[in-house]
Amino acid sequence: MAWSRPVGWALDHLVYRTTVTGRANVPQAGPVIFAGNHISYLDGPVMFGAAPRPMHILVKQEMFGGILGRVLTAAGQLPVDRSGDRAALQRAKAILDAGSCVGILPEGTRGSGQAAAINNGVAWLALNSAATVIPVAILGTRTGDEHLNTVPRPGRRLHVSFGPALTADRRPGETGRASMDRVGTGIRAALARHVQDTIQASGHRLPDAETARAGSAAPQSETPHERQTAVAGEPADHHLRKVQ
C-alpha cells in the first residue's frame, strides 16, 4: 500500500477538503477494525485516506472487474461476496492476526448512513481476533437528495471522525449466536451514536432517508444473526463478552 496511501491522502485533501478528527482514538500498533457508515461510493477511499494507519478494506466483489479491479487488488483491498463469504472474513482475520488493520462498511450497501442496521461480519472479526474496533463517521460524500450513485464534485467539504475504541471478548455461558447478536448490536449502536455525535459537532448532515431507502443494507425485520449469516455463514459457538 506504499503508493495507495498518498493517493488516498490526495483524494481527501487535494480533490476534496476533508476534516479529520479522532485520530488519537486509533491504537498506534496492533490489529484494528475500522467500521464506517456507508452513504457513497467514496466512503471506502475517503476512510482509507483519512486513517492514521493503512488498512485493507472489504469491497464488494462486483468492483473487482477490469482496470478498477486491478487497481483495488494492487492497493491491497479484499473482494467480498455480500451474499455469503466466510473465506473473505477468514482472509481479513489473517490480516488482523498479523497485527494489521481492516476496514469494513458494515451497513453492507449505500444507504442513509445512520447505521440503523448492519451485518455482523464486523462482530465476527472482533470476536475471532484480538482487534480493537474503531467506529468511523463519514459525512459529506453524499448529501440532501443526491442519488445513491452520485460522486461529489471536487472541492466539497467532507468530514471523517474516528470514534472511541471498542473491544470484544468472551462472556461465560453464552452461545456463539447470542454473543454475535450482542456484540453486533453493540457495534451498531456505537457507530450510530458516533455518527450522530459527529453530525452535531461538524454541522454536516446525512442524505435524505427517502432517497437512500432503495439502498438500505438490510430490512429492519432481520435479526442481527440473520444479517451476520448473510455475510459470514453460521458461526461456531464461542463464549464471549464485549468490553468497552
Protein backbone atom coordinates (compact mmCIF):
# COMPACT_ATOMS: atom_id res chain seq x y z
CA MET A 1 0.00 0.00 0.00
CA ALA A 2 3.03 2.29 -0.27
CA TRP A 3 1.64 4.02 -3.38
CA SER A 4 -2.05 3.94 -2.47
CA ARG A 5 -1.69 5.77 0.85
CA PRO A 6 -0.50 9.01 -0.81
CA VAL A 7 -3.28 8.63 -3.39
CA GLY A 8 -5.83 8.36 -0.57
CA TRP A 9 -4.38 11.45 1.12
CA ALA A 10 -4.54 13.38 -2.16
CA LEU A 11 -8.19 12.38 -2.64
CA ASP A 12 -9.06 13.69 0.82
CA HIS A 13 -7.02 16.88 0.83
CA LEU A 14 -6.41 17.90 -2.80
CA VAL A 15 -9.52 16.68 -4.63
CA TYR A 16 -11.79 17.27 -1.61
CA ARG A 17 -11.43 19.30 1.58
CA THR A 18 -11.63 16.72 4.34
CA THR A 19 -11.61 17.49 8.04
CA VAL A 20 -10.37 14.54 10.10
CA THR A 21 -10.96 14.20 13.85
CA GLY A 22 -10.38 11.49 16.44
CA ARG A 23 -7.10 10.13 15.10
CA ALA A 24 -5.87 9.81 18.70
CA ASN A 25 -8.55 7.13 19.27
CA VAL A 26 -6.77 4.76 16.88
CA PRO A 27 -4.15 2.49 18.53
CA GLN A 28 -0.70 3.09 17.09
CA ALA A 29 0.03 -0.65 16.95
CA GLY A 30 -1.86 -3.93 16.94
CA PRO A 31 -4.89 -5.10 14.94
CA VAL A 32 -7.68 -2.60 14.29
CA ILE A 33 -11.06 -2.92 12.57
CA PHE A 34 -12.31 0.37 11.13
CA ALA A 35 -16.14 0.20 10.90
CA GLY A 36 -17.64 3.09 8.91
CA ASN A 37 -21.12 4.20 7.91
CA HIS A 38 -21.92 3.97 4.21
CA ILE A 39 -23.60 6.62 2.05
CA SER A 40 -21.47 6.85 -1.11
CA TYR A 41 -19.06 5.08 -3.44
CA LEU A 42 -16.35 7.31 -1.98
CA ASP A 43 -16.69 6.21 1.66
CA GLY A 44 -14.06 3.47 1.50
CA PRO A 45 -11.41 5.56 -0.30
CA VAL A 46 -12.08 8.59 1.92
CA MET A 47 -11.79 6.48 5.09
CA PHE A 48 -8.63 4.90 3.69
CA GLY A 49 -7.04 8.30 3.04
CA ALA A 50 -8.05 9.77 6.41
CA ALA A 51 -6.93 6.91 8.67
CA PRO A 52 -3.64 7.27 10.58
CA ARG A 53 -2.79 3.67 9.68
CA PRO A 54 -3.04 1.73 6.40
CA MET A 55 -5.88 -0.75 6.06
CA HIS A 56 -7.23 -3.49 3.81
CA ILE A 57 -10.88 -2.68 3.03
CA LEU A 58 -13.52 -5.32 2.28
CA VAL A 59 -15.03 -4.26 -1.07
CA LYS A 60 -17.92 -5.93 -2.89
CA GLN A 61 -16.57 -8.38 -5.44
CA GLU A 62 -18.51 -6.73 -8.29
CA MET A 63 -15.99 -3.88 -8.16
CA PHE A 64 -13.07 -6.18 -9.00
CA GLY A 65 -13.53 -6.24 -12.76
CA GLY A 66 -11.35 -4.61 -15.42
CA ILE A 67 -8.88 -1.84 -14.63
CA LEU A 68 -10.60 -0.87 -11.37
CA GLY A 69 -10.29 -4.43 -10.12
CA ARG A 70 -6.56 -4.47 -10.83
CA VAL A 71 -6.15 -1.16 -9.02
CA LEU A 72 -8.09 -2.39 -5.99
CA THR A 73 -6.07 -5.60 -5.87
CA ALA A 74 -2.78 -3.70 -6.19
CA ALA A 75 -3.90 -1.42 -3.34
CA GLY A 76 -4.41 -4.43 -1.07
CA GLN A 77 -8.21 -4.34 -0.93
CA LEU A 78 -10.22 -7.52 -0.38
CA PRO A 79 -13.16 -8.73 -2.52
CA VAL A 80 -16.20 -9.98 -0.61
CA ASP A 81 -19.37 -11.70 -1.80
CA ARG A 82 -22.08 -9.95 0.19
CA SER A 83 -24.47 -12.90 -0.16
CA GLY A 84 -22.18 -15.08 1.97
CA ASP A 85 -18.39 -15.14 2.14
CA ARG A 86 -16.70 -16.81 5.09
CA ALA A 87 -13.48 -17.02 3.05
CA ALA A 88 -13.25 -13.21 2.82
CA LEU A 89 -13.66 -12.89 6.58
CA GLN A 90 -11.01 -15.55 7.13
CA ARG A 91 -8.62 -13.55 4.94
CA ALA A 92 -9.44 -10.42 6.93
CA LYS A 93 -8.89 -12.32 10.19
CA ALA A 94 -5.44 -13.42 8.97
CA ILE A 95 -4.56 -9.76 8.35
CA LEU A 96 -5.72 -8.84 11.86
CA ASP A 97 -3.84 -11.78 13.38
CA ALA A 98 -0.70 -10.36 11.76
CA GLY A 99 -1.26 -7.07 13.61
CA SER A 100 -2.54 -5.04 10.65
CA CYS A 101 -5.81 -3.17 10.01
CA VAL A 102 -9.04 -3.99 8.17
CA GLY A 103 -11.74 -1.57 7.04
CA ILE A 104 -15.37 -2.58 6.67
CA LEU A 105 -18.61 -0.73 5.89
CA PRO A 106 -20.97 -2.98 7.87
CA GLU A 107 -24.20 -1.46 6.58
CA GLY A 108 -23.38 -3.59 3.53
CA THR A 109 -24.50 -1.17 0.84
CA ARG A 110 -25.01 2.56 0.35
CA GLY A 111 -27.94 3.97 2.29
CA SER A 112 -28.82 6.75 4.71
CA GLY A 113 -25.62 6.25 6.70
CA GLN A 114 -27.44 6.15 10.05
CA ALA A 115 -26.20 2.61 10.83
CA ALA A 116 -29.78 1.60 11.62
CA ALA A 117 -28.91 -1.95 10.53
CA ILE A 118 -25.55 -3.63 9.97
CA ASN A 119 -24.32 -7.07 9.05
CA ASN A 120 -22.32 -8.79 11.74
CA GLY A 121 -19.19 -9.53 9.75
CA VAL A 122 -17.53 -6.86 11.87
CA ALA A 123 -18.72 -8.61 15.05
CA TRP A 124 -17.40 -11.95 13.79
CA LEU A 125 -13.99 -10.38 13.15
CA ALA A 126 -13.93 -8.68 16.54
CA LEU A 127 -14.89 -11.86 18.36
CA ASN A 128 -12.46 -14.07 16.48
CA SER A 129 -9.43 -11.82 16.70
CA ALA A 130 -7.80 -9.56 19.26
CA ALA A 131 -8.66 -6.48 17.20
CA THR A 132 -9.89 -3.16 18.51
CA VAL A 133 -12.98 -1.79 16.72
CA ILE A 134 -12.99 1.91 15.78
CA PRO A 135 -16.36 3.38 14.70
CA VAL A 136 -15.87 5.79 11.78
CA ALA A 137 -18.35 8.52 10.83
CA ILE A 138 -18.06 9.60 7.19
CA LEU A 139 -20.08 12.67 6.22
CA GLY A 140 -20.39 14.81 3.11
CA THR A 141 -19.74 12.17 0.44
CA ARG A 142 -23.46 12.35 -0.38
CA THR A 143 -25.90 14.98 0.86
CA GLY A 144 -29.53 16.10 0.58
CA ASP A 145 -31.48 14.32 -2.15
CA GLU A 146 -28.42 13.26 -4.18
CA HIS A 147 -28.80 9.90 -5.91
CA LEU A 148 -27.08 6.85 -4.48
CA ASN A 149 -24.69 6.85 -7.46
CA THR A 150 -23.68 10.50 -7.03
CA VAL A 151 -19.97 11.26 -6.89
CA PRO A 152 -19.44 14.70 -5.30
CA ARG A 153 -17.73 17.43 -7.28
CA PRO A 154 -14.11 18.24 -6.38
CA GLY A 155 -13.70 20.80 -3.63
CA ARG A 156 -16.58 19.61 -1.46
CA ARG A 157 -16.04 19.66 2.29
CA LEU A 158 -16.04 16.18 3.83
CA HIS A 159 -15.67 15.06 7.43
CA VAL A 160 -14.22 11.83 8.82
CA SER A 161 -14.26 11.15 12.56
CA PHE A 162 -12.67 8.17 14.32
CA GLY A 163 -14.65 7.30 17.45
CA PRO A 164 -13.78 5.78 20.83
CA ALA A 165 -12.30 2.28 20.69
CA LEU A 166 -14.39 -0.83 21.35
CA THR A 167 -13.19 -4.33 22.21
CA ALA A 168 -14.97 -7.69 22.42
CA ASP A 169 -14.20 -10.80 24.44
CA ARG A 170 -15.89 -13.89 25.76
CA ARG A 171 -18.85 -13.97 28.14
CA PRO A 172 -19.13 -17.22 30.14
CA GLY A 173 -22.09 -19.42 29.30
CA GLU A 174 -23.10 -17.55 26.14
CA THR A 175 -23.67 -19.31 22.82
CA GLY A 176 -21.99 -18.19 19.63
CA ARG A 177 -25.30 -16.93 18.21
CA ALA A 178 -26.09 -14.91 21.33
CA SER A 179 -22.61 -13.42 21.51
CA MET A 180 -22.70 -12.48 17.82
CA ASP A 181 -26.05 -10.76 18.24
CA ARG A 182 -24.94 -8.95 21.39
CA VAL A 183 -21.64 -7.67 20.00
CA GLY A 184 -23.15 -6.82 16.61
CA THR A 185 -25.90 -4.83 18.33
CA GLY A 186 -23.32 -3.06 20.47
CA ILE A 187 -21.17 -2.10 17.50
CA ARG A 188 -24.21 -0.89 15.56
CA ALA A 189 -25.30 1.27 18.50
CA ALA A 190 -21.80 2.68 18.97
CA LEU A 191 -21.47 3.50 15.27
CA ALA A 192 -24.94 5.07 15.08
CA ARG A 193 -24.22 7.14 18.20
CA HIS A 194 -20.85 8.27 16.84
CA VAL A 195 -22.44 9.31 13.52
CA GLN A 196 -24.98 11.44 15.38
CA ASP A 197 -22.32 12.96 17.64
CA THR A 198 -20.24 13.82 14.57
CA ILE A 199 -23.23 15.44 12.88
CA GLN A 200 -23.72 17.65 15.93
CA ALA A 201 -20.04 18.55 16.16
CA SER A 202 -19.39 19.14 12.46
CA GLY A 203 -22.62 20.63 11.15
CA HIS A 204 -22.68 18.08 8.30
CA ARG A 205 -25.89 16.20 7.59
CA LEU A 206 -26.73 12.76 6.29
CA PRO A 207 -28.53 12.40 2.94
CA ASP A 208 -32.31 12.23 2.90
CA ALA A 209 -33.57 8.89 4.17
CA GLU A 210 -36.22 8.63 1.43
CA THR A 211 -33.57 8.91 -1.29
CA ALA A 212 -31.46 6.25 0.40
CA ARG A 213 -34.27 3.77 1.04
CA ALA A 214 -33.62 1.75 -2.14
CA GLY A 215 -30.06 1.12 -0.99
CA SER A 216 -30.71 0.19 2.64
CA ALA A 217 -28.39 -2.52 3.93
CA ALA A 218 -30.91 -4.90 5.44
CA PRO A 219 -34.61 -4.86 6.31
CA GLN A 220 -35.32 -3.79 9.88
CA SER A 221 -37.19 -7.07 10.39
CA GLU A 222 -33.99 -9.10 10.09
CA THR A 223 -32.34 -10.18 13.31
CA PRO A 224 -28.64 -9.43 13.88
CA HIS A 225 -27.94 -13.14 13.46
CA GLU A 226 -29.66 -13.22 10.06
CA ARG A 227 -27.62 -10.21 8.91
CA GLN A 228 -24.41 -11.89 10.11
CA THR A 229 -25.22 -15.17 8.39
CA ALA A 230 -25.67 -13.36 5.06
CA VAL A 231 -22.05 -12.25 5.18
CA ALA A 232 -20.18 -14.87 7.18
CA GLY A 233 -22.31 -18.00 7.28
CA GLU A 234 -23.19 -19.81 10.52
CA PRO A 235 -20.65 -19.00 13.27
CA ALA A 236 -19.12 -21.62 15.53
CA ASP A 237 -20.12 -21.41 19.20
CA HIS A 238 -17.99 -19.22 21.47
CA HIS A 239 -18.39 -17.86 24.99
CA LEU A 240 -17.92 -14.15 24.50
CA ARG A 241 -18.12 -10.83 26.32
CA LYS A 242 -17.87 -7.28 24.97
CA VAL A 243 -15.74 -4.83 26.94
CA GLN A 244 -15.57 -1.08 26.28
